[in-house]
Amino acid sequence: QSPESFPPLRNEAAVDVLRGRMKGIQGHCNSCYMDAALFSLFSCTSVLDSMLFKPFPLCDRNVQNILREEIVNPLRKTGFVRARSVMHLREQLTEKGQCSSFTNAEKDPEEFLNLIMHQILGIEPLLKLQSGDREQDCYCYQIFMDKQEDLVVPDVQQLVEHSFLSSDLKLVEIPSCFIIQMPRFGKEYKMFSKIIPSLELDITDLLLDS
């Protein structure tokens, strides 16, 4: 555990700390969905660091402390988080949520994010989406789309644009944090063999009032 706080890793420091054997978040007992989500949210960005410190309306301090001291700080300090630390968080999520299988089953990342952000910490939704006349708030956006024959190895920009267009969706406002779940998850089905990360995302055409 690391009681002091560490900033997110950037540039050469990120490469030095995170590359190599025994780096990242150690997987155990179907934890890959949570490991990948936590790594993405905290290793190299501070945009959601309020989750670690801010006393939100529903904030569970025990969960917040585990997240900060057992997962995020060790990840940023040494580049490695033990499976036992993630299991400690999973046990708390099982206790606080309505689902008893957070410690052993594979889950959808959206279910994990909704539980920890909405029910346990009480964070305001990060995204406002509009489809037709209907507006909805959410914490992340999961890409849904039909198989596109011309997209063999797509990048994130292409997938987001295709998904928004096919679902007739618009962003009501520029999000402070845009968490996107790729159509490549679960044990049984992978829509694409690989997806190229877009280092920048142009959301101009996705905005309602662009």
Protein backbone atom coordinates (compact mmCIF):
# COMPACT_ATOMS: atom_id res chain seq x y z
CA GLN A 1 0.00 0.00 0.00
CA SER A 2 1.11 3.56 -0.76
CA PRO A 3 -0.44 6.14 1.61
CA GLU A 4 1.14 9.03 -0.30
CA SER A 5 -0.25 10.13 -3.67
CA PHE A 6 1.44 9.80 -7.04
CA PRO A 7 0.67 11.69 -10.26
CA PRO A 8 -0.22 9.78 -13.46
CA LEU A 9 2.66 8.52 -15.55
CA ARG A 10 3.59 10.53 -18.64
CA ASN A 11 5.83 10.13 -21.68
CA GLU A 12 9.19 8.42 -21.00
CA ALA A 13 8.30 7.83 -17.34
CA ALA A 14 5.25 5.81 -18.41
CA VAL A 15 7.41 3.62 -20.63
CA ASP A 16 10.07 3.14 -17.93
CA VAL A 17 7.59 2.22 -15.20
CA LEU A 18 4.99 0.22 -17.13
CA ARG A 19 7.00 -1.77 -19.66
CA GLY A 20 8.38 -5.23 -18.94
CA ARG A 21 7.56 -8.40 -17.00
CA MET A 22 5.40 -8.20 -13.87
CA LYS A 23 3.94 -4.87 -14.91
CA GLY A 24 0.35 -3.67 -15.03
CA ILE A 25 -2.50 -5.15 -12.98
CA GLN A 26 -2.22 -8.85 -12.17
CA GLY A 27 -5.18 -10.86 -13.41
CA HIS A 28 -7.00 -13.44 -11.32
CA CYS A 29 -10.36 -15.21 -11.46
CA ASN A 30 -11.98 -13.40 -14.43
CA SER A 31 -10.78 -9.94 -13.38
CA CYS A 32 -9.61 -8.87 -16.87
CA TYR A 33 -12.56 -6.51 -17.47
CA MET A 34 -11.82 -4.64 -14.24
CA ASP A 35 -8.03 -4.73 -14.64
CA ALA A 36 -8.26 -3.18 -18.12
CA ALA A 37 -10.77 -0.55 -17.00
CA LEU A 38 -8.74 0.52 -13.94
CA PHE A 39 -5.50 0.65 -15.94
CA SER A 40 -7.15 2.80 -18.63
CA LEU A 41 -8.78 5.18 -16.15
CA PHE A 42 -5.80 5.86 -13.90
CA SER A 43 -2.35 4.83 -15.16
CA CYS A 44 -1.60 7.78 -17.45
CA THR A 45 -4.35 10.33 -16.88
CA SER A 46 -5.65 12.37 -13.95
CA VAL A 47 -9.05 13.24 -15.45
CA LEU A 48 -10.86 10.97 -12.98
CA ASP A 49 -8.62 11.51 -9.95
CA SER A 50 -11.59 13.15 -8.21
CA MET A 51 -12.80 9.56 -7.70
CA LEU A 52 -9.82 9.05 -5.39
CA PHE A 53 -10.18 12.12 -3.17
CA LYS A 54 -13.43 14.04 -3.50
CA PRO A 55 -16.15 13.43 -0.87
CA PHE A 56 -19.05 12.76 -3.28
CA PRO A 57 -22.65 12.65 -1.93
CA LEU A 58 -22.77 8.84 -1.66
CA CYS A 59 -19.05 8.37 -1.25
CA ASP A 60 -17.94 5.16 0.45
CA ARG A 61 -14.58 6.08 2.00
CA ASN A 62 -13.48 2.47 2.36
CA VAL A 63 -13.87 1.76 -1.36
CA GLN A 64 -12.23 5.10 -2.18
CA ASN A 65 -9.23 4.27 0.04
CA ILE A 66 -8.78 0.81 -1.50
CA LEU A 67 -8.94 2.30 -4.98
CA ARG A 68 -6.42 5.03 -4.16
CA GLU A 69 -3.94 3.28 -1.85
CA GLU A 70 -4.00 -0.35 -3.02
CA ILE A 71 -4.49 0.10 -6.77
CA VAL A 72 -3.82 3.54 -8.26
CA ASN A 73 -0.82 4.61 -6.17
CA PRO A 74 1.09 1.29 -6.57
CA LEU A 75 0.30 1.31 -10.30
CA ARG A 76 1.74 4.82 -10.70
CA LYS A 77 4.66 4.24 -8.32
CA THR A 78 5.94 0.80 -9.36
CA GLY A 79 3.84 -0.09 -12.41
CA PHE A 80 2.44 -3.21 -10.73
CA VAL A 81 -0.73 -4.05 -8.78
CA ARG A 82 -1.21 -7.44 -7.09
CA ALA A 83 -4.31 -9.51 -7.82
CA ARG A 84 -5.01 -9.52 -4.07
CA SER A 85 -5.57 -5.73 -4.13
CA VAL A 86 -8.08 -5.97 -6.96
CA MET A 87 -9.83 -8.84 -5.16
CA HIS A 88 -10.11 -6.61 -2.08
CA LEU A 89 -11.94 -4.05 -4.24
CA ARG A 90 -14.12 -6.77 -5.80
CA GLU A 91 -15.13 -8.01 -2.35
CA GLN A 92 -16.23 -4.51 -1.39
CA LEU A 93 -18.19 -4.11 -4.63
CA THR A 94 -19.94 -7.40 -3.94
CA GLU A 95 -20.81 -6.20 -0.45
CA LYS A 96 -22.10 -2.80 -1.61
CA GLY A 97 -23.87 -3.91 -4.79
CA GLN A 98 -26.78 -6.19 -5.51
CA CYS A 99 -24.65 -8.75 -7.34
CA SER A 100 -22.90 -11.60 -5.54
CA SER A 101 -20.60 -12.63 -8.41
CA PHE A 102 -18.20 -9.69 -8.64
CA THR A 103 -15.44 -11.79 -7.05
CA ASN A 104 -15.51 -14.69 -9.50
CA ALA A 105 -17.39 -13.94 -12.73
CA GLU A 106 -16.55 -11.98 -15.85
CA LYS A 107 -18.64 -8.80 -16.04
CA ASP A 108 -19.36 -6.09 -18.54
CA PRO A 109 -17.09 -3.09 -17.81
CA GLU A 110 -20.15 -0.83 -17.98
CA GLU A 111 -21.71 -2.71 -15.06
CA PHE A 112 -18.54 -2.19 -13.01
CA LEU A 113 -18.31 1.53 -13.87
CA ASN A 114 -21.99 2.16 -13.10
CA LEU A 115 -21.69 0.43 -9.74
CA ILE A 116 -18.55 2.21 -8.54
CA MET A 117 -19.29 5.63 -10.03
CA HIS A 118 -23.03 5.86 -9.48
CA GLN A 119 -24.02 3.65 -6.55
CA ILE A 120 -20.85 3.73 -4.45
CA LEU A 121 -19.28 7.16 -5.08
CA GLY A 122 -22.25 9.14 -6.40
CA ILE A 123 -20.44 10.84 -9.29
CA GLU A 124 -22.44 12.89 -11.77
CA PRO A 125 -22.79 11.15 -15.19
CA LEU A 126 -19.88 11.90 -17.53
CA LEU A 127 -21.83 11.82 -20.80
CA LYS A 128 -25.03 13.37 -22.10
CA LEU A 129 -26.33 11.68 -25.26
CA GLN A 130 -29.33 12.50 -27.41
CA SER A 131 -31.20 10.22 -29.79
CA GLY A 132 -34.10 11.95 -31.52
CA ASP A 133 -35.93 13.83 -28.77
CA ARG A 134 -34.69 11.59 -25.99
CA GLU A 135 -31.73 12.60 -23.82
CA GLN A 136 -29.85 10.16 -21.59
CA ASP A 137 -27.03 10.40 -19.06
CA CYS A 138 -24.38 7.71 -18.73
CA TYR A 139 -20.84 7.04 -17.51
CA CYS A 140 -19.40 5.35 -20.60
CA TYR A 141 -20.31 4.64 -24.19
CA GLN A 142 -20.36 1.09 -25.48
CA ILE A 143 -19.91 0.80 -29.24
CA PHE A 144 -22.72 -1.11 -30.94
CA MET A 145 -22.60 -1.63 -34.68
CA ASP A 146 -23.24 -4.16 -37.43
CA LYS A 147 -20.26 -5.88 -38.95
CA GLN A 148 -18.70 -3.60 -41.56
CA GLU A 149 -16.96 -5.55 -44.33
CA ASP A 150 -14.80 -2.55 -45.25
CA LEU A 151 -13.53 -2.21 -41.67
CA VAL A 152 -10.99 -5.01 -41.32
CA VAL A 153 -8.61 -3.30 -38.87
CA PRO A 154 -10.47 -0.15 -37.81
CA ASP A 155 -9.27 2.65 -35.57
CA VAL A 156 -11.24 4.08 -32.66
CA GLN A 157 -12.25 7.21 -34.62
CA GLN A 158 -13.94 5.09 -37.32
CA LEU A 159 -15.74 2.89 -34.81
CA VAL A 160 -17.12 5.79 -32.78
CA GLU A 161 -18.35 7.60 -35.90
CA HIS A 162 -19.97 4.46 -37.35
CA SER A 163 -21.63 3.65 -34.03
CA PHE A 164 -23.02 7.16 -33.47
CA LEU A 165 -24.30 7.35 -37.05
CA SER A 166 -25.98 3.93 -37.03
CA SER A 167 -27.63 4.63 -33.65
CA ASP A 168 -28.64 8.21 -34.57
CA LEU A 169 -26.80 9.59 -31.53
CA LYS A 170 -25.30 12.98 -30.71
CA LEU A 171 -23.26 14.30 -27.79
CA VAL A 172 -25.27 17.04 -26.09
CA GLU A 173 -22.07 18.67 -24.82
CA ILE A 174 -18.31 18.11 -24.88
CA PRO A 175 -17.63 15.50 -22.19
CA SER A 176 -14.96 16.06 -19.55
CA CYS A 177 -14.12 12.37 -19.91
CA PHE A 178 -15.19 10.13 -22.79
CA ILE A 179 -14.93 6.46 -21.78
CA ILE A 180 -15.49 4.20 -24.77
CA GLN A 181 -15.92 0.42 -24.66
CA MET A 182 -14.71 -1.30 -27.82
CA PRO A 183 -16.66 -4.09 -29.59
CA ARG A 184 -13.97 -6.54 -28.53
CA PHE A 185 -14.72 -8.18 -25.20
CA GLY A 186 -15.98 -11.36 -23.60
CA LYS A 187 -14.69 -14.89 -24.07
CA GLU A 188 -16.81 -15.92 -27.03
CA TYR A 189 -17.00 -13.08 -29.53
CA LYS A 190 -14.57 -10.56 -30.99
CA MET A 191 -15.98 -8.42 -33.82
CA PHE A 192 -12.48 -7.34 -34.89
CA SER A 193 -9.20 -9.22 -34.49
CA LYS A 194 -7.55 -5.93 -33.51
CA ILE A 195 -8.37 -2.23 -33.20
CA ILE A 196 -5.90 0.62 -33.71
CA PRO A 197 -6.00 3.23 -30.91
CA SER A 198 -6.66 6.77 -32.14
CA LEU A 199 -4.30 9.03 -30.20
CA GLU A 200 -6.72 11.92 -30.76
CA LEU A 201 -10.48 11.78 -31.22
CA ASP A 202 -12.31 14.38 -33.32
CA ILE A 203 -15.87 14.66 -31.97
CA THR A 204 -16.86 17.74 -34.00
CA ASP A 205 -19.41 15.87 -36.12
CA LEU A 206 -20.73 13.99 -33.10
CA LEU A 207 -21.81 17.12 -31.21
CA LEU A 208 -25.47 18.08 -31.24
CA ASP A 209 -24.74 21.77 -31.77
CA SER A 210 -21.44 21.67 -33.63
